[in-house]
N, C-alpha and C. Protein backbone atom coordinates (compact mmCIF):
# COMPACT_ATOMS: atom_id res chain seq x y z
N MET A 1 -0.25 -16.32 6.85
CA MET A 1 -0.99 -15.21 6.28
C MET A 1 -0.11 -13.96 6.27
N THR A 2 -0.24 -13.16 5.24
CA THR A 2 0.55 -11.94 5.10
C THR A 2 0.12 -10.92 6.15
N GLN A 3 1.09 -10.25 6.74
CA GLN A 3 0.82 -9.17 7.68
C GLN A 3 0.54 -7.90 6.89
N HIS A 4 -0.49 -7.17 7.30
CA HIS A 4 -0.82 -5.90 6.67
C HIS A 4 -0.81 -4.80 7.71
N SER A 5 -0.35 -3.63 7.31
CA SER A 5 -0.51 -2.46 8.16
C SER A 5 -1.96 -2.02 7.99
N LEU A 6 -2.58 -1.61 9.07
CA LEU A 6 -3.96 -1.15 8.98
C LEU A 6 -4.01 0.18 8.25
N TYR A 7 -5.04 0.35 7.43
CA TYR A 7 -5.27 1.60 6.70
C TYR A 7 -6.60 2.14 7.20
N LEU A 8 -6.55 2.85 8.33
CA LEU A 8 -7.73 3.39 8.98
C LEU A 8 -7.81 4.88 8.70
N VAL A 9 -8.99 5.35 8.27
CA VAL A 9 -9.16 6.76 7.94
C VAL A 9 -10.47 7.27 8.53
N THR A 10 -10.58 8.59 8.60
CA THR A 10 -11.82 9.23 9.03
C THR A 10 -12.38 9.99 7.85
N ALA A 11 -13.61 9.66 7.47
CA ALA A 11 -14.28 10.32 6.34
C ALA A 11 -14.90 11.63 6.80
N GLN A 12 -15.23 12.46 5.81
CA GLN A 12 -15.96 13.68 6.12
C GLN A 12 -17.22 13.27 6.86
N GLY A 13 -17.54 13.96 7.93
CA GLY A 13 -18.68 13.59 8.76
C GLY A 13 -18.27 12.76 9.95
N GLY A 14 -16.99 12.36 10.02
CA GLY A 14 -16.48 11.66 11.19
C GLY A 14 -16.56 10.15 11.16
N GLU A 15 -17.06 9.56 10.08
CA GLU A 15 -17.17 8.10 9.99
C GLU A 15 -15.79 7.46 9.89
N GLN A 16 -15.53 6.47 10.74
CA GLN A 16 -14.27 5.73 10.72
C GLN A 16 -14.36 4.61 9.69
N LEU A 17 -13.35 4.51 8.83
CA LEU A 17 -13.35 3.50 7.77
C LEU A 17 -12.05 2.71 7.81
N ASP A 18 -12.16 1.41 7.54
CA ASP A 18 -10.99 0.54 7.44
C ASP A 18 -10.79 0.20 5.97
N LEU A 19 -9.75 0.73 5.37
CA LEU A 19 -9.45 0.48 3.96
C LEU A 19 -8.35 -0.56 3.77
N THR A 20 -7.99 -1.26 4.85
CA THR A 20 -6.89 -2.22 4.80
C THR A 20 -7.08 -3.24 3.68
N TYR A 21 -8.27 -3.79 3.54
CA TYR A 21 -8.52 -4.82 2.53
C TYR A 21 -9.44 -4.31 1.42
N ALA A 22 -9.57 -2.99 1.31
CA ALA A 22 -10.41 -2.41 0.26
C ALA A 22 -9.76 -2.61 -1.11
N LYS A 23 -10.58 -2.74 -2.12
CA LYS A 23 -10.09 -2.86 -3.49
C LYS A 23 -10.05 -1.47 -4.11
N GLU A 24 -8.93 -1.13 -4.68
CA GLU A 24 -8.78 0.14 -5.38
C GLU A 24 -9.36 -0.01 -6.79
N LEU A 25 -10.41 0.73 -7.09
CA LEU A 25 -11.06 0.63 -8.40
C LEU A 25 -10.36 1.46 -9.46
N ARG A 26 -9.87 2.63 -9.07
CA ARG A 26 -9.09 3.49 -9.97
C ARG A 26 -8.35 4.50 -9.13
N SER A 27 -7.27 5.05 -9.69
CA SER A 27 -6.50 6.02 -8.92
C SER A 27 -5.50 6.75 -9.80
N ASN A 28 -4.96 7.81 -9.25
CA ASN A 28 -3.82 8.52 -9.80
C ASN A 28 -2.93 8.81 -8.61
N ASN A 29 -1.86 8.06 -8.49
CA ASN A 29 -0.97 8.17 -7.33
C ASN A 29 0.40 8.72 -7.71
N LEU A 30 0.44 9.53 -8.76
CA LEU A 30 1.72 10.03 -9.25
C LEU A 30 2.35 11.04 -8.29
N PHE A 31 3.66 10.98 -8.21
CA PHE A 31 4.45 11.92 -7.41
C PHE A 31 4.92 13.03 -8.34
N PRO A 32 5.10 14.28 -7.92
CA PRO A 32 4.89 14.77 -6.56
C PRO A 32 3.40 14.86 -6.23
N PHE A 33 3.10 14.77 -4.94
CA PHE A 33 1.72 14.75 -4.49
C PHE A 33 1.06 16.11 -4.68
N GLY A 34 -0.26 16.08 -4.94
CA GLY A 34 -1.01 17.31 -5.13
C GLY A 34 -2.45 17.02 -5.47
N LEU A 35 -3.13 18.02 -6.00
CA LEU A 35 -4.56 17.91 -6.30
C LEU A 35 -4.90 16.78 -7.28
N HIS A 36 -3.95 16.37 -8.11
CA HIS A 36 -4.21 15.31 -9.10
C HIS A 36 -4.34 13.92 -8.46
N ASN A 37 -3.91 13.76 -7.21
CA ASN A 37 -3.97 12.45 -6.56
C ASN A 37 -5.37 12.13 -6.09
N TYR A 38 -5.82 10.91 -6.39
CA TYR A 38 -7.12 10.43 -5.91
C TYR A 38 -7.13 8.90 -5.96
N ALA A 39 -8.09 8.32 -5.29
CA ALA A 39 -8.33 6.88 -5.38
C ALA A 39 -9.79 6.63 -5.07
N ILE A 40 -10.35 5.63 -5.73
CA ILE A 40 -11.71 5.17 -5.45
C ILE A 40 -11.58 3.75 -4.93
N TYR A 41 -12.13 3.50 -3.74
CA TYR A 41 -12.04 2.20 -3.09
C TYR A 41 -13.42 1.59 -2.90
N ARG A 42 -13.47 0.25 -2.86
CA ARG A 42 -14.64 -0.49 -2.41
C ARG A 42 -14.18 -1.39 -1.28
N THR A 43 -14.79 -1.21 -0.10
CA THR A 43 -14.41 -2.03 1.05
C THR A 43 -15.05 -3.41 0.93
N PRO A 44 -14.56 -4.39 1.68
CA PRO A 44 -15.18 -5.72 1.67
C PRO A 44 -16.66 -5.69 2.09
N GLU A 45 -17.05 -4.65 2.82
CA GLU A 45 -18.45 -4.49 3.25
C GLU A 45 -19.31 -3.81 2.18
N GLY A 46 -18.71 -3.44 1.05
CA GLY A 46 -19.45 -2.82 -0.04
C GLY A 46 -19.60 -1.31 0.07
N VAL A 47 -18.76 -0.67 0.87
CA VAL A 47 -18.78 0.79 1.01
C VAL A 47 -17.81 1.37 0.00
N TYR A 48 -18.25 2.39 -0.73
CA TYR A 48 -17.41 3.06 -1.71
C TYR A 48 -16.85 4.34 -1.11
N VAL A 49 -15.55 4.54 -1.29
CA VAL A 49 -14.85 5.67 -0.67
C VAL A 49 -14.04 6.39 -1.73
N LYS A 50 -14.21 7.71 -1.78
CA LYS A 50 -13.38 8.56 -2.64
C LYS A 50 -12.32 9.20 -1.75
N ALA A 51 -11.06 9.02 -2.11
CA ALA A 51 -9.95 9.62 -1.38
C ALA A 51 -9.28 10.63 -2.31
N THR A 52 -9.02 11.83 -1.78
CA THR A 52 -8.41 12.88 -2.58
C THR A 52 -7.30 13.58 -1.80
N ASN A 53 -6.59 14.43 -2.50
CA ASN A 53 -5.53 15.23 -1.90
C ASN A 53 -5.97 16.69 -1.94
N SER A 54 -5.85 17.39 -0.82
CA SER A 54 -6.27 18.79 -0.71
C SER A 54 -5.14 19.76 -1.07
N ASP A 55 -4.22 19.32 -1.91
CA ASP A 55 -3.03 20.07 -2.33
C ASP A 55 -1.95 20.01 -1.25
N ASN A 56 -1.92 18.88 -0.54
CA ASN A 56 -0.92 18.63 0.50
C ASN A 56 0.28 17.94 -0.16
N PRO A 57 1.46 18.59 -0.18
CA PRO A 57 2.61 17.99 -0.85
C PRO A 57 3.27 16.85 -0.06
N ASN A 58 2.82 16.63 1.20
CA ASN A 58 3.46 15.62 2.05
C ASN A 58 2.70 14.30 2.13
N LEU A 59 1.44 14.29 1.73
CA LEU A 59 0.62 13.07 1.78
C LEU A 59 -0.01 12.84 0.42
N MET A 60 -0.08 11.59 0.00
CA MET A 60 -0.72 11.30 -1.27
C MET A 60 -2.22 11.56 -1.19
N LEU A 61 -2.87 11.06 -0.13
CA LEU A 61 -4.31 11.22 0.05
C LEU A 61 -4.57 11.72 1.46
N ASP A 62 -5.44 12.72 1.59
CA ASP A 62 -5.69 13.26 2.93
C ASP A 62 -7.15 13.61 3.20
N GLN A 63 -8.05 13.35 2.26
CA GLN A 63 -9.48 13.58 2.46
C GLN A 63 -10.24 12.35 1.97
N TYR A 64 -11.23 11.95 2.75
CA TYR A 64 -11.97 10.72 2.44
C TYR A 64 -13.46 11.01 2.53
N GLU A 65 -14.22 10.44 1.58
CA GLU A 65 -15.66 10.67 1.53
C GLU A 65 -16.35 9.38 1.09
N VAL A 66 -17.39 8.98 1.81
CA VAL A 66 -18.21 7.84 1.41
C VAL A 66 -19.12 8.32 0.28
N ILE A 67 -19.16 7.54 -0.82
CA ILE A 67 -19.99 7.90 -1.96
C ILE A 67 -20.81 6.69 -2.40
N GLU A 68 -21.81 6.93 -3.22
CA GLU A 68 -22.65 5.86 -3.76
C GLU A 68 -21.90 5.09 -4.84
N GLU A 69 -22.33 3.85 -5.08
CA GLU A 69 -21.67 3.00 -6.08
C GLU A 69 -21.66 3.65 -7.46
N ALA A 70 -22.79 4.22 -7.89
CA ALA A 70 -22.85 4.83 -9.22
C ALA A 70 -21.85 5.97 -9.34
N ALA A 71 -21.73 6.78 -8.30
CA ALA A 71 -20.76 7.88 -8.32
C ALA A 71 -19.34 7.35 -8.36
N ALA A 72 -19.08 6.25 -7.65
CA ALA A 72 -17.74 5.65 -7.64
C ALA A 72 -17.38 5.10 -9.01
N ARG A 73 -18.30 4.39 -9.61
CA ARG A 73 -18.02 3.77 -10.90
C ARG A 73 -17.91 4.79 -12.03
N GLY A 74 -18.60 5.92 -11.92
CA GLY A 74 -18.56 6.93 -12.96
C GLY A 74 -17.66 8.11 -12.65
N TYR A 75 -16.86 8.01 -11.59
CA TYR A 75 -16.07 9.15 -11.14
C TYR A 75 -15.03 9.58 -12.18
N SER A 76 -14.97 10.88 -12.40
CA SER A 76 -13.96 11.49 -13.26
C SER A 76 -13.29 12.58 -12.46
N HIS A 77 -12.01 12.43 -12.20
CA HIS A 77 -11.29 13.38 -11.35
C HIS A 77 -11.07 14.69 -12.09
N PRO A 78 -11.35 15.82 -11.43
CA PRO A 78 -11.27 17.11 -12.13
C PRO A 78 -9.87 17.68 -12.30
N HIS A 79 -8.87 17.10 -11.65
CA HIS A 79 -7.52 17.67 -11.70
C HIS A 79 -6.56 16.75 -12.44
N GLN A 80 -5.63 17.34 -13.16
CA GLN A 80 -4.58 16.61 -13.86
C GLN A 80 -3.23 17.07 -13.33
N ARG A 81 -2.27 16.19 -13.35
CA ARG A 81 -0.92 16.56 -12.95
C ARG A 81 -0.33 17.51 -13.98
N VAL A 82 0.26 18.58 -13.52
CA VAL A 82 0.88 19.58 -14.38
C VAL A 82 2.38 19.33 -14.38
N GLU A 83 2.91 19.08 -15.56
CA GLU A 83 4.35 18.86 -15.70
C GLU A 83 5.06 20.19 -15.74
N GLU A 84 6.07 20.34 -14.89
CA GLU A 84 6.86 21.56 -14.90
C GLU A 84 8.00 21.40 -15.90
N GLU A 85 8.25 22.47 -16.64
CA GLU A 85 9.30 22.40 -17.67
C GLU A 85 10.58 23.01 -17.18
């Protein structure tokens, strides 16, 4: 069996979540990191998690929130990556 690094996070409100085997439903993981980065996950237990970046240039994702399935499936991220000229 393949070895995986654990992907353990703390959601807003203090809930501990294991995203190691979560399925990524959609994301924007473009570098450099910033507000445009996000991911929507569904855990094997059926929990939906929105992960975002608080404008941290050192981490792709740094904020996590448990959301309802309808919100996860219909999520539209409000930020776009701005190309510098």
